[in-house]
């Protein structure tokens, strides 16, 4: 079991401890529960899905990187496929607070990058802030997605975000998590190809400034991240943060990034380059390059 889970694990009810320990002890555990895992945990604890997700929030919150606030928030996104995805807030010392990742963003992006195509519910241990409510409103689940909090009846996003502003107000039909492929040809070395593949699946219907990133950690693993744009613009999640979410959920230290490649479209309205470079520098990574793709490479 990764040391970061130890304290929260010891506080779980005995039946949940016994049921989840083999999962946490697995070297392959990356904060994802398969449908058969969820079924087993329900059977062994006698909890229904909503109660089980609430009981697991302390484990999700252990994944927080709260170096500025020291305030851990955990979230679990529940896909219609039956898979559950852990998420937690992430902060980066020596970088602007605008680079922060919220727990709901983490859990949703974790699901997205695993190929989940729609979410049924989000469980979180604190009330979602307005930033996260707006981020969730970009999802193809719409305002019907269920939100579960400790000590409260389950409500929908529509309850938390009445009279919502979203993609439809800008005549956008594309929604976050709906599969998309922009069709750019993946060329170059391994890291460049991974970054372009991430770009191909990025969600940028407002600016058409598709972008993706690939990180190589000290362990040699490669982590991809893709841009998630938002109708309200500011809650958009940069590709670097998406890749760092995957690193974090794989129990890899964020300061272990050795090399990074950002892929962007030539002539895009927006660029992630400067913000990405500065945040990577704050994490100790200086080996950073940009790969541009053009329409002729489609």
Protein backbone atom coordinates (compact mmCIF):
# COMPACT_ATOMS: atom_id res chain seq x y z
CA UNK A 1 0.00 0.00 0.00
CA UNK A 2 1.30 3.46 -0.89
CA UNK A 3 2.21 5.33 2.34
CA UNK A 4 -0.12 8.20 1.53
CA UNK A 5 -3.16 5.95 2.07
CA UNK A 6 -2.08 4.54 5.44
CA UNK A 7 -3.67 7.02 7.85
CA UNK A 8 -7.03 7.17 6.06
CA UNK A 9 -7.09 3.40 5.61
CA UNK A 10 -6.67 2.81 9.35
CA UNK A 11 -9.76 4.97 10.03
CA UNK A 12 -12.05 3.05 7.65
CA UNK A 13 -14.67 0.62 9.03
CA UNK A 14 -13.22 -2.87 9.47
CA UNK A 15 -15.35 -4.41 6.73
CA UNK A 16 -14.23 -1.77 4.20
CA UNK A 17 -10.61 -2.15 5.27
CA UNK A 18 -10.70 -5.88 4.63
CA UNK A 19 -12.43 -5.48 1.28
CA UNK A 20 -10.30 -2.71 -0.18
CA UNK A 21 -6.87 -3.62 1.17
CA UNK A 22 -6.03 -6.04 -1.69
CA UNK A 23 -6.78 -3.24 -4.17
CA UNK A 24 -4.67 -0.66 -2.33
CA UNK A 25 -1.86 -3.19 -1.94
CA UNK A 26 -1.70 -3.80 -5.68
CA UNK A 27 1.26 -2.14 -7.42
CA UNK A 28 -1.13 -1.49 -10.32
CA UNK A 29 -3.66 0.51 -8.29
CA UNK A 30 -4.03 3.94 -9.90
CA UNK A 31 -7.19 5.26 -8.31
CA UNK A 32 -9.62 3.38 -10.56
CA UNK A 33 -12.23 0.89 -9.40
CA UNK A 34 -13.57 -1.53 -11.99
CA UNK A 35 -17.26 -2.57 -11.95
CA UNK A 36 -16.28 -5.91 -10.38
CA UNK A 37 -14.32 -4.07 -7.68
CA UNK A 38 -17.33 -1.90 -6.86
CA UNK A 39 -19.59 -4.97 -6.75
CA UNK A 40 -17.17 -6.76 -4.39
CA UNK A 41 -16.89 -3.78 -2.06
CA UNK A 42 -20.69 -3.44 -1.93
CA UNK A 43 -21.11 -7.12 -1.15
CA UNK A 44 -18.48 -7.16 1.59
CA UNK A 45 -19.62 -3.94 3.30
CA UNK A 46 -23.38 -4.03 2.75
CA UNK A 47 -23.25 -0.46 1.46
CA UNK A 48 -25.09 0.77 -1.61
CA UNK A 49 -23.15 2.66 -4.28
CA UNK A 50 -23.85 6.12 -2.92
CA UNK A 51 -22.86 5.20 0.63
CA UNK A 52 -19.78 3.33 -0.59
CA UNK A 53 -18.55 6.31 -2.60
CA UNK A 54 -18.94 8.53 0.45
CA UNK A 55 -17.05 6.02 2.60
CA UNK A 56 -14.18 6.00 0.10
CA UNK A 57 -13.73 9.78 0.00
CA UNK A 58 -10.97 9.76 2.66
CA UNK A 59 -8.92 7.48 0.40
CA UNK A 60 -9.43 9.79 -2.57
CA UNK A 61 -8.49 12.82 -0.45
CA UNK A 62 -5.16 11.15 0.35
CA UNK A 63 -4.17 11.87 -3.26
CA UNK A 64 -4.33 15.63 -2.67
CA UNK A 65 -1.21 17.70 -3.31
CA UNK A 66 -2.16 20.62 -1.08
CA UNK A 67 1.23 22.29 -0.70
CA UNK A 68 -0.29 25.79 -0.44
CA UNK A 69 -3.62 25.36 1.36
CA UNK A 70 -2.96 22.17 3.35
CA UNK A 71 -6.65 21.51 2.68
CA UNK A 72 -7.29 18.08 1.14
CA UNK A 73 -10.34 17.59 -1.05
CA UNK A 74 -11.22 14.20 -2.51
CA UNK A 75 -13.68 13.37 -5.27
CA UNK A 76 -14.90 10.26 -7.05
CA UNK A 77 -16.44 10.38 -10.51
CA UNK A 78 -18.71 7.47 -11.37
CA UNK A 79 -18.90 6.52 -15.02
CA UNK A 80 -21.87 5.00 -16.79
CA UNK A 81 -19.48 2.14 -17.65
CA UNK A 82 -19.46 1.22 -13.95
CA UNK A 83 -15.87 2.37 -13.38
CA UNK A 84 -15.08 4.80 -10.57
CA UNK A 85 -12.22 7.30 -10.76
CA UNK A 86 -10.56 8.99 -7.79
CA UNK A 87 -9.47 12.61 -7.89
CA UNK A 88 -8.04 15.22 -5.54
CA UNK A 89 -7.00 18.85 -5.49
CA UNK A 90 -3.50 19.72 -6.66
CA UNK A 91 -1.47 22.86 -5.98
CA UNK A 92 1.99 23.81 -7.20
CA UNK A 93 4.45 25.82 -5.14
CA UNK A 94 6.08 28.78 -6.91
CA UNK A 95 3.35 28.75 -9.58
CA UNK A 96 0.26 31.02 -9.79
CA UNK A 97 -2.87 29.81 -8.06
CA UNK A 98 -4.61 29.84 -11.45
CA UNK A 99 -2.66 26.65 -12.22
CA UNK A 100 -4.41 24.82 -9.35
CA UNK A 101 -6.48 21.71 -10.08
CA UNK A 102 -9.74 21.24 -8.16
CA UNK A 103 -10.74 17.78 -6.93
CA UNK A 104 -13.80 17.56 -9.18
CA UNK A 105 -11.68 18.54 -12.19
CA UNK A 106 -9.20 15.86 -11.21
CA UNK A 107 -11.78 13.07 -10.92
CA UNK A 108 -13.52 14.08 -14.16
CA UNK A 109 -10.28 14.38 -16.14
CA UNK A 110 -9.07 11.10 -14.70
CA UNK A 111 -12.20 9.45 -16.11
CA UNK A 112 -11.86 11.26 -19.46
CA UNK A 113 -8.26 10.20 -19.97
CA UNK A 114 -9.22 6.60 -19.22
CA UNK A 115 -11.75 6.75 -22.05
CA UNK A 116 -14.92 7.08 -19.98
CA UNK A 117 -17.64 8.50 -22.23
CA UNK A 118 -20.19 9.74 -19.70
CA UNK A 119 -20.53 10.26 -15.96
CA UNK A 120 -23.50 9.45 -13.78
CA UNK A 121 -22.40 11.03 -10.50
CA UNK A 122 -19.71 12.96 -8.67
CA UNK A 123 -19.07 12.35 -4.99
CA UNK A 124 -17.01 14.98 -3.16
CA UNK A 125 -16.26 15.72 0.49
CA UNK A 126 -16.89 19.49 0.29
CA UNK A 127 -19.46 21.58 -1.56
CA UNK A 128 -18.33 22.21 -5.16
CA UNK A 129 -17.22 25.78 -5.71
CA UNK A 130 -18.63 27.85 -8.58
CA UNK A 131 -15.52 27.08 -10.67
CA UNK A 132 -16.21 23.34 -10.43
CA UNK A 133 -19.93 23.69 -11.02
CA UNK A 134 -19.14 25.51 -14.25
CA UNK A 135 -16.53 22.92 -15.22
CA UNK A 136 -19.09 20.14 -14.71
CA UNK A 137 -21.60 22.02 -16.85
CA UNK A 138 -19.38 21.32 -19.86
CA UNK A 139 -19.97 17.57 -19.53
CA UNK A 140 -22.23 15.57 -21.82
CA UNK A 141 -24.13 14.56 -18.65
CA UNK A 142 -25.45 18.11 -18.50
CA UNK A 143 -27.12 19.45 -15.41
CA UNK A 144 -28.64 16.02 -14.70
CA UNK A 145 -25.37 14.66 -13.27
CA UNK A 146 -25.86 13.72 -9.62
CA UNK A 147 -23.73 15.32 -6.89
CA UNK A 148 -23.28 13.53 -3.59
CA UNK A 149 -21.91 15.17 -0.43
CA UNK A 150 -21.54 13.88 3.15
CA UNK A 151 -24.60 14.55 5.29
CA UNK A 152 -26.76 15.80 2.42
CA UNK A 153 -29.37 14.37 0.11
CA UNK A 154 -28.12 13.75 -3.41
CA UNK A 155 -28.86 16.64 -5.73
CA UNK A 156 -28.21 17.34 -9.38
CA UNK A 157 -25.88 19.89 -10.92
CA UNK A 158 -29.02 21.74 -11.95
CA UNK A 159 -29.83 22.19 -8.25
CA UNK A 160 -26.37 23.61 -7.59
CA UNK A 161 -26.20 25.67 -10.80
CA UNK A 162 -29.67 27.03 -11.64
CA UNK A 163 -30.09 29.06 -14.81
CA UNK A 164 -26.74 27.72 -15.97
CA UNK A 165 -24.61 29.19 -18.76
CA UNK A 166 -23.06 26.54 -20.97
CA UNK A 167 -22.08 25.37 -24.44
CA UNK A 168 -25.59 25.66 -25.86
CA UNK A 169 -25.59 29.40 -25.12
CA UNK A 170 -22.69 29.70 -27.56
CA UNK A 171 -24.27 27.35 -30.12
CA UNK A 172 -21.72 24.64 -29.35
CA UNK A 173 -22.90 21.04 -29.71
CA UNK A 174 -19.66 19.31 -28.63
CA UNK A 175 -19.55 18.25 -24.99
CA UNK A 176 -16.72 17.17 -22.72
CA UNK A 177 -16.25 13.36 -22.53
CA UNK A 178 -17.97 12.75 -25.86
CA UNK A 179 -15.27 10.98 -27.93
CA UNK A 180 -13.61 13.12 -30.57
CA UNK A 181 -10.56 12.80 -32.81
CA UNK A 182 -9.23 15.80 -34.71
CA UNK A 183 -7.25 13.52 -36.98
CA UNK A 184 -3.78 15.05 -36.93
CA UNK A 185 -1.04 12.61 -37.88
CA UNK A 186 1.19 11.62 -34.96
CA UNK A 187 4.77 12.15 -36.10
CA UNK A 188 8.20 12.53 -34.49
CA UNK A 189 9.70 10.68 -31.56
CA UNK A 190 7.73 8.76 -28.94
CA UNK A 191 7.02 11.80 -26.77
CA UNK A 192 6.02 13.98 -29.73
CA UNK A 193 3.64 11.31 -31.00
CA UNK A 194 2.05 10.95 -27.57
CA UNK A 195 1.55 14.71 -27.34
CA UNK A 196 -0.09 14.87 -30.79
CA UNK A 197 -2.36 11.95 -29.90
CA UNK A 198 -3.44 13.87 -26.80
CA UNK A 199 -4.05 16.97 -28.95
CA UNK A 200 -6.31 14.89 -31.20
CA UNK A 201 -8.66 14.22 -28.29
CA UNK A 202 -8.61 17.70 -26.76
CA UNK A 203 -11.85 19.61 -26.21
CA UNK A 204 -11.52 23.14 -27.62
CA UNK A 205 -14.75 23.96 -29.47
CA UNK A 206 -14.62 27.69 -28.63
CA UNK A 207 -11.11 28.59 -29.77
CA UNK A 208 -10.23 25.58 -31.94
CA UNK A 209 -6.82 25.81 -30.23
CA UNK A 210 -6.30 22.09 -29.79
CA UNK A 211 -3.39 21.09 -27.58
CA UNK A 212 -1.91 18.09 -25.84
CA UNK A 213 1.15 17.25 -23.82
CA UNK A 214 3.29 14.23 -23.02
CA UNK A 215 5.48 13.96 -19.92
CA UNK A 216 8.25 11.46 -19.27
CA UNK A 217 8.82 10.82 -15.58
CA UNK A 218 11.98 9.68 -13.83
CA UNK A 219 10.60 6.13 -13.91
CA UNK A 220 10.45 6.28 -17.72
CA UNK A 221 6.65 6.25 -17.87
CA UNK A 222 4.86 8.59 -20.26
CA UNK A 223 1.77 10.52 -19.18
CA UNK A 224 -0.50 12.31 -21.65
CA UNK A 225 -2.78 15.25 -21.05
CA UNK A 226 -5.26 17.07 -23.27
CA UNK A 227 -6.83 20.49 -23.10
CA UNK A 228 -10.41 20.80 -21.75
CA UNK A 229 -11.96 24.13 -22.72
CA UNK A 230 -14.99 25.60 -20.98
CA UNK A 231 -17.87 27.81 -22.13
CA UNK A 232 -16.98 30.28 -19.36
CA UNK A 233 -13.31 30.15 -20.45
CA UNK A 234 -11.62 30.56 -17.02
CA UNK A 235 -12.49 27.06 -15.72
CA UNK A 236 -10.70 25.54 -18.74
CA UNK A 237 -8.13 22.91 -17.74
CA UNK A 238 -4.70 23.11 -19.44
CA UNK A 239 -3.16 19.96 -20.92
CA UNK A 240 -0.26 20.00 -18.44
CA UNK A 241 -2.63 19.78 -15.49
CA UNK A 242 -4.43 16.85 -17.12
CA UNK A 243 -1.14 14.96 -17.47
CA UNK A 244 -0.14 15.81 -13.89
CA UNK A 245 -3.47 14.39 -12.69
CA UNK A 246 -2.55 11.08 -14.33
CA UNK A 247 0.94 11.17 -12.81
CA UNK A 248 -0.46 11.86 -9.37
CA UNK A 249 -3.06 9.10 -9.57
CA UNK A 250 -0.27 6.72 -10.63
CA UNK A 251 1.59 7.58 -7.39
CA UNK A 252 4.38 9.35 -9.28
CA UNK A 253 5.89 12.46 -7.61
CA UNK A 254 5.09 15.58 -9.61
CA UNK A 255 8.69 16.77 -9.33
CA UNK A 256 9.85 13.67 -11.20
CA UNK A 257 9.01 15.07 -14.66
CA UNK A 258 12.20 14.72 -16.71
CA UNK A 259 11.01 15.76 -20.17
CA UNK A 260 7.89 17.34 -21.66
CA UNK A 261 6.58 17.98 -25.15
CA UNK A 262 3.62 20.26 -25.83
CA UNK A 263 1.76 19.87 -29.13
CA UNK A 264 -0.28 22.76 -30.51
CA UNK A 265 -1.84 23.70 -33.82
CA UNK A 266 0.08 26.14 -35.93
CA UNK A 267 -1.57 29.55 -35.99
CA UNK A 268 -3.89 28.86 -33.04
CA UNK A 269 -5.66 31.76 -31.34
CA UNK A 270 -4.41 30.57 -27.94
CA UNK A 271 -1.14 29.06 -26.75
CA UNK A 272 -0.43 27.01 -23.63
CA UNK A 273 3.33 27.38 -24.07
CA UNK A 274 4.32 30.09 -21.58
CA UNK A 275 2.06 28.89 -18.75
CA UNK A 276 3.20 25.32 -19.31
CA UNK A 277 6.88 26.27 -19.29
CA UNK A 278 6.59 28.27 -16.07
CA UNK A 279 4.65 25.56 -14.22
CA UNK A 280 7.07 22.86 -15.37
CA UNK A 281 9.96 25.03 -14.19
CA UNK A 282 8.29 25.29 -10.77
CA UNK A 283 8.24 21.48 -10.72
CA UNK A 284 11.94 21.34 -11.64
CA UNK A 285 11.61 20.35 -15.30
CA UNK A 286 13.59 22.41 -17.82
CA UNK A 287 13.61 19.93 -20.72
CA UNK A 288 10.51 21.26 -22.47
CA UNK A 289 9.80 21.65 -26.17
CA UNK A 290 6.96 22.61 -28.50
CA UNK A 291 5.74 20.63 -31.49
CA UNK A 292 3.47 22.39 -33.97
CA UNK A 293 1.01 20.55 -36.19
CA UNK A 294 -0.75 22.00 -39.19
CA UNK A 295 -3.81 21.22 -41.26
CA UNK A 296 -1.55 19.74 -43.92
CA UNK A 297 -0.61 16.99 -41.45
CA UNK A 298 -4.22 15.90 -41.01
